[in-house]
């Protein structure tokens, strides 16, 4: 990786890299230029995104469950195992989230008509109204967060991240 372009201000990551170059000139700290900045941006984005959920009394994992059910289309339900496959949640974590959402009247659980051992989780009307409201605000927030970048930068970042994620997903 190359040195930082001279026209960019030194940020915290650049200062850390410079200190490592001074202290350990035998080790190349250039990956920190990407990974360190991504880590800091991820922390900032997560905080900004979670604020939206918190204003509506839900957490990130609960939004993930509600959004997954909403994206399923009518009748806004999924088998519990399928729900776990469509979220970033383990089956144990999913049970806890569904329990909390069910107590709030946002989802229901019932025995599957196809398999008496399986459970189906469905959005209630209140759950659908909440997730629609939160999703709208969430997208407005994400547009705001990305508004500091121009269209060409966004397209470039999306392309790079898509290729990188495909490589990571392939193992």
C-alpha atoms as a PDB file:
ATOM      1  CA  UNK A   1       0.000   0.000   0.000  1.00  0.00           C
ATOM      2  CA  UNK A   2       1.146   3.516  -0.605  1.00  0.00           C
ATOM      3  CA  UNK A   3       1.793   6.492   1.606  1.00  0.00           C
ATOM      4  CA  UNK A   4      -1.027   8.906   2.462  1.00  0.00           C
ATOM      5  CA  UNK A   5      -1.574  11.529  -0.265  1.00  0.00           C
ATOM      6  CA  UNK A   6       0.040  14.778   0.879  1.00  0.00           C
ATOM      7  CA  UNK A   7      -3.139  16.831   0.307  1.00  0.00           C
ATOM      8  CA  UNK A   8      -5.134  14.925   2.974  1.00  0.00           C
ATOM      9  CA  UNK A   9      -5.010  16.027   6.617  1.00  0.00           C
ATOM     10  CA  UNK A  10      -3.398  13.661   9.086  1.00  0.00           C
ATOM     11  CA  UNK A  11      -6.136  11.872  10.967  1.00  0.00           C
ATOM     12  CA  UNK A  12      -5.762   9.607  14.009  1.00  0.00           C
ATOM     13  CA  UNK A  13      -5.024   6.572  11.851  1.00  0.00           C
ATOM     14  CA  UNK A  14      -2.319   8.384   9.881  1.00  0.00           C
ATOM     15  CA  UNK A  15      -0.693   9.533  13.119  1.00  0.00           C
ATOM     16  CA  UNK A  16      -0.722   5.967  14.473  1.00  0.00           C
ATOM     17  CA  UNK A  17       0.817   4.684  11.240  1.00  0.00           C
ATOM     18  CA  UNK A  18       3.539   7.349  11.381  1.00  0.00           C
ATOM     19  CA  UNK A  19       4.354   6.386  14.969  1.00  0.00           C
ATOM     20  CA  UNK A  20       4.613   2.703  14.012  1.00  0.00           C
ATOM     21  CA  UNK A  21       6.806   3.545  11.011  1.00  0.00           C
ATOM     22  CA  UNK A  22       9.101   5.471  13.368  1.00  0.00           C
ATOM     23  CA  UNK A  23       9.133   2.811  16.100  1.00  0.00           C
ATOM     24  CA  UNK A  24       9.023  -0.317  13.920  1.00  0.00           C
ATOM     25  CA  UNK A  25      10.368   0.521  10.464  1.00  0.00           C
ATOM     26  CA  UNK A  26      10.731  -3.230   9.851  1.00  0.00           C
ATOM     27  CA  UNK A  27       6.899  -3.753   9.865  1.00  0.00           C
ATOM     28  CA  UNK A  28       4.599  -2.270   7.214  1.00  0.00           C
ATOM     29  CA  UNK A  29       1.602  -0.622   8.968  1.00  0.00           C
ATOM     30  CA  UNK A  30      -0.145   0.325   5.703  1.00  0.00           C
ATOM     31  CA  UNK A  31      -3.142  -2.038   6.219  1.00  0.00           C
ATOM     32  CA  UNK A  32      -4.159   0.202   9.115  1.00  0.00           C
ATOM     33  CA  UNK A  33      -4.883   2.872   6.521  1.00  0.00           C
ATOM     34  CA  UNK A  34      -7.887   0.870   5.339  1.00  0.00           C
ATOM     35  CA  UNK A  35      -8.773  -1.363   8.271  1.00  0.00           C
ATOM     36  CA  UNK A  36      -8.226   1.254  10.985  1.00  0.00           C
ATOM     37  CA  UNK A  37     -10.391   3.779   9.163  1.00  0.00           C
ATOM     38  CA  UNK A  38     -13.063   1.182   8.399  1.00  0.00           C
ATOM     39  CA  UNK A  39     -13.126   0.221  12.063  1.00  0.00           C
ATOM     40  CA  UNK A  40     -13.597   3.841  13.162  1.00  0.00           C
ATOM     41  CA  UNK A  41     -16.266   4.480  10.515  1.00  0.00           C
ATOM     42  CA  UNK A  42     -18.081   1.257  11.449  1.00  0.00           C
ATOM     43  CA  UNK A  43     -18.198   2.319  15.102  1.00  0.00           C
ATOM     44  CA  UNK A  44     -19.565   5.740  14.118  1.00  0.00           C
ATOM     45  CA  UNK A  45     -22.141   4.259  11.741  1.00  0.00           C
ATOM     46  CA  UNK A  46     -23.331   1.663  14.256  1.00  0.00           C
ATOM     47  CA  UNK A  47     -23.833   4.333  16.938  1.00  0.00           C
ATOM     48  CA  UNK A  48     -25.732   6.571  14.504  1.00  0.00           C
ATOM     49  CA  UNK A  49     -27.902   3.731  13.235  1.00  0.00           C
ATOM     50  CA  UNK A  50     -28.691   2.279  16.660  1.00  0.00           C
ATOM     51  CA  UNK A  51     -29.894   5.718  17.834  1.00  0.00           C
ATOM     52  CA  UNK A  52     -32.803   5.424  15.382  1.00  0.00           C
ATOM     53  CA  UNK A  53     -33.806   2.023  16.766  1.00  0.00           C
ATOM     54  CA  UNK A  54     -33.504   3.221  20.357  1.00  0.00           C
ATOM     55  CA  UNK A  55     -35.856   6.134  19.680  1.00  0.00           C
ATOM     56  CA  UNK A  56     -38.463   3.491  18.860  1.00  0.00           C
ATOM     57  CA  UNK A  57     -37.687   1.281  21.846  1.00  0.00           C
ATOM     58  CA  UNK A  58     -36.003  -1.565  19.974  1.00  0.00           C
ATOM     59  CA  UNK A  59     -32.471  -2.816  19.508  1.00  0.00           C
ATOM     60  CA  UNK A  60     -30.498  -3.640  16.391  1.00  0.00           C
ATOM     61  CA  UNK A  61     -31.280  -7.378  16.586  1.00  0.00           C
ATOM     62  CA  UNK A  62     -34.973  -6.745  17.161  1.00  0.00           C
ATOM     63  CA  UNK A  63     -35.085  -4.459  14.117  1.00  0.00           C
ATOM     64  CA  UNK A  64     -33.354  -7.200  12.118  1.00  0.00           C
ATOM     65  CA  UNK A  65     -36.091  -9.690  13.064  1.00  0.00           C
ATOM     66  CA  UNK A  66     -38.944  -7.245  12.354  1.00  0.00           C
ATOM     67  CA  UNK A  67     -37.395  -6.181   9.042  1.00  0.00           C
ATOM     68  CA  UNK A  68     -36.861  -9.795   7.969  1.00  0.00           C
ATOM     69  CA  UNK A  69     -40.524 -10.563   8.622  1.00  0.00           C
ATOM     70  CA  UNK A  70     -41.621  -7.393   6.803  1.00  0.00           C
ATOM     71  CA  UNK A  71     -39.484  -8.225   3.747  1.00  0.00           C
ATOM     72  CA  UNK A  72     -41.110 -11.667   3.575  1.00  0.00           C
ATOM     73  CA  UNK A  73     -44.267 -10.088   2.131  1.00  0.00           C
ATOM     74  CA  UNK A  74     -47.820 -11.089   2.980  1.00  0.00           C
ATOM     75  CA  UNK A  75     -48.568 -12.684   5.399  1.00  0.00           C
ATOM     76  CA  UNK A  76     -45.323 -11.316   6.933  1.00  0.00           C
ATOM     77  CA  UNK A  77     -44.226 -14.540   8.559  1.00  0.00           C
ATOM     78  CA  UNK A  78     -41.408 -17.054   8.433  1.00  0.00           C
ATOM     79  CA  UNK A  79     -40.663 -20.384  10.039  1.00  0.00           C
ATOM     80  CA  UNK A  80     -38.383 -19.811  13.019  1.00  0.00           C
ATOM     81  CA  UNK A  81     -35.503 -21.736  11.377  1.00  0.00           C
ATOM     82  CA  UNK A  82     -35.920 -19.779   8.167  1.00  0.00           C
ATOM     83  CA  UNK A  83     -36.018 -16.546  10.161  1.00  0.00           C
ATOM     84  CA  UNK A  84     -32.634 -17.415  11.679  1.00  0.00           C
ATOM     85  CA  UNK A  85     -31.235 -18.014   8.169  1.00  0.00           C
ATOM     86  CA  UNK A  86     -32.385 -14.564   7.003  1.00  0.00           C
ATOM     87  CA  UNK A  87     -30.948 -12.636   9.947  1.00  0.00           C
ATOM     88  CA  UNK A  88     -27.501 -12.253  11.454  1.00  0.00           C
ATOM     89  CA  UNK A  89     -28.727 -13.956  14.638  1.00  0.00           C
ATOM     90  CA  UNK A  90     -28.090 -17.408  16.111  1.00  0.00           C
ATOM     91  CA  UNK A  91     -31.121 -19.550  16.935  1.00  0.00           C
ATOM     92  CA  UNK A  92     -30.599 -18.948  20.669  1.00  0.00           C
ATOM     93  CA  UNK A  93     -30.314 -15.208  20.156  1.00  0.00           C
ATOM     94  CA  UNK A  94     -33.327 -15.300  17.887  1.00  0.00           C
ATOM     95  CA  UNK A  95     -35.479 -16.923  20.570  1.00  0.00           C
ATOM     96  CA  UNK A  96     -34.633 -14.151  23.034  1.00  0.00           C
ATOM     97  CA  UNK A  97     -35.437 -11.433  20.505  1.00  0.00           C
ATOM     98  CA  UNK A  98     -38.700 -13.064  19.476  1.00  0.00           C
ATOM     99  CA  UNK A  99     -39.647 -13.442  23.157  1.00  0.00           C
ATOM    100  CA  UNK A 100     -39.139  -9.689  23.714  1.00  0.00           C
ATOM    101  CA  UNK A 101     -41.007  -8.761  20.533  1.00  0.00           C
ATOM    102  CA  UNK A 102     -43.870 -11.102  21.396  1.00  0.00           C
ATOM    103  CA  UNK A 103     -44.202  -9.577  24.897  1.00  0.00           C
ATOM    104  CA  UNK A 104     -44.547  -6.156  23.242  1.00  0.00           C
ATOM    105  CA  UNK A 105     -47.238  -7.429  20.880  1.00  0.00           C
ATOM    106  CA  UNK A 106     -45.081  -6.908  17.774  1.00  0.00           C
ATOM    107  CA  UNK A 107     -44.924 -10.562  16.684  1.00  0.00           C
ATOM    108  CA  UNK A 108     -46.818 -13.777  17.318  1.00  0.00           C
ATOM    109  CA  UNK A 109     -45.614 -17.362  17.404  1.00  0.00           C
ATOM    110  CA  UNK A 110     -47.629 -20.403  16.428  1.00  0.00           C
ATOM    111  CA  UNK A 111     -47.137 -24.053  15.578  1.00  0.00           C
ATOM    112  CA  UNK A 112     -46.479 -24.654  11.879  1.00  0.00           C
ATOM    113  CA  UNK A 113     -49.334 -26.216   9.953  1.00  0.00           C
ATOM    114  CA  UNK A 114     -46.769 -28.161   7.878  1.00  0.00           C
ATOM    115  CA  UNK A 115     -44.606 -29.457  10.734  1.00  0.00           C
ATOM    116  CA  UNK A 116     -46.002 -29.684  14.256  1.00  0.00           C
ATOM    117  CA  UNK A 117     -42.487 -29.446  15.715  1.00  0.00           C
ATOM    118  CA  UNK A 118     -41.702 -26.142  13.996  1.00  0.00           C
ATOM    119  CA  UNK A 119     -42.805 -22.645  14.980  1.00  0.00           C
ATOM    120  CA  UNK A 120     -43.849 -19.774  12.721  1.00  0.00           C
ATOM    121  CA  UNK A 121     -43.177 -16.168  13.692  1.00  0.00           C
ATOM    122  CA  UNK A 122     -45.418 -13.458  12.227  1.00  0.00           C
ATOM    123  CA  UNK A 123     -45.655  -9.675  12.423  1.00  0.00           C
ATOM    124  CA  UNK A 124     -48.697  -8.265  14.144  1.00  0.00           C
ATOM    125  CA  UNK A 125     -50.315  -5.112  12.744  1.00  0.00           C
ATOM    126  CA  UNK A 126     -48.507  -3.141  15.471  1.00  0.00           C
ATOM    127  CA  UNK A 127     -45.225  -4.790  14.471  1.00  0.00           C
ATOM    128  CA  UNK A 128     -45.751  -3.936  10.818  1.00  0.00           C
ATOM    129  CA  UNK A 129     -46.585  -0.313  11.648  1.00  0.00           C
ATOM    130  CA  UNK A 130     -43.479  -0.018  13.843  1.00  0.00           C
ATOM    131  CA  UNK A 131     -41.072  -1.600  11.376  1.00  0.00           C
ATOM    132  CA  UNK A 132     -42.421   0.537   8.506  1.00  0.00           C
ATOM    133  CA  UNK A 133     -41.947   3.694  10.592  1.00  0.00           C
ATOM    134  CA  UNK A 134     -38.452   2.676  11.767  1.00  0.00           C
ATOM    135  CA  UNK A 135     -37.367   1.587   8.281  1.00  0.00           C
ATOM    136  CA  UNK A 136     -38.364   4.950   6.810  1.00  0.00           C
ATOM    137  CA  UNK A 137     -36.384   6.824   9.460  1.00  0.00           C
ATOM    138  CA  UNK A 138     -33.502   4.339   9.149  1.00  0.00           C
ATOM    139  CA  UNK A 139     -33.199   4.966   5.385  1.00  0.00           C
ATOM    140  CA  UNK A 140     -33.378   8.745   5.894  1.00  0.00           C
ATOM    141  CA  UNK A 141     -30.568   8.398   8.436  1.00  0.00           C
ATOM    142  CA  UNK A 142     -28.424   6.255   6.121  1.00  0.00           C
ATOM    143  CA  UNK A 143     -28.894   8.774   3.295  1.00  0.00           C
ATOM    144  CA  UNK A 144     -27.773  11.495   5.720  1.00  0.00           C
ATOM    145  CA  UNK A 145     -24.737   9.479   6.795  1.00  0.00           C
ATOM    146  CA  UNK A 146     -23.658   8.965   3.178  1.00  0.00           C
ATOM    147  CA  UNK A 147     -24.412  12.527   2.067  1.00  0.00           C
ATOM    148  CA  UNK A 148     -20.821  13.609   2.795  1.00  0.00           C
ATOM    149  CA  UNK A 149     -19.696  11.540  -0.211  1.00  0.00           C
ATOM    150  CA  UNK A 150     -20.372  12.213  -3.880  1.00  0.00           C
ATOM    151  CA  UNK A 151     -22.039   9.744  -6.252  1.00  0.00           C
ATOM    152  CA  UNK A 152     -18.750   8.615  -7.807  1.00  0.00           C
ATOM    153  CA  UNK A 153     -17.227   7.893  -4.374  1.00  0.00           C
ATOM    154  CA  UNK A 154     -20.323   5.958  -3.305  1.00  0.00           C
ATOM    155  CA  UNK A 155     -20.291   3.852  -6.479  1.00  0.00           C
ATOM    156  CA  UNK A 156     -16.579   3.171  -6.077  1.00  0.00           C
ATOM    157  CA  UNK A 157     -16.886   2.223  -2.398  1.00  0.00           C
ATOM    158  CA  UNK A 158     -19.871  -0.020  -3.085  1.00  0.00           C
ATOM    159  CA  UNK A 159     -18.009  -1.804  -5.878  1.00  0.00           C
ATOM    160  CA  UNK A 160     -14.886  -2.351  -3.793  1.00  0.00           C
ATOM    161  CA  UNK A 161     -16.876  -3.562  -0.780  1.00  0.00           C
ATOM    162  CA  UNK A 162     -18.980  -5.882  -2.958  1.00  0.00           C
ATOM    163  CA  UNK A 163     -15.856  -7.520  -4.425  1.00  0.00           C
ATOM    164  CA  UNK A 164     -14.177  -7.726  -1.002  1.00  0.00           C
ATOM    165  CA  UNK A 165     -17.243  -9.258   0.642  1.00  0.00           C
ATOM    166  CA  UNK A 166     -17.593 -11.812  -2.171  1.00  0.00           C
ATOM    167  CA  UNK A 167     -13.978 -12.848  -1.601  1.00  0.00           C
ATOM    168  CA  UNK A 168     -14.538 -13.101   2.164  1.00  0.00           C
ATOM    169  CA  UNK A 169     -17.780 -15.065   1.705  1.00  0.00           C
ATOM    170  CA  UNK A 170     -16.004 -17.532  -0.590  1.00  0.00           C
ATOM    171  CA  UNK A 171     -13.612 -18.230   2.274  1.00  0.00           C
END
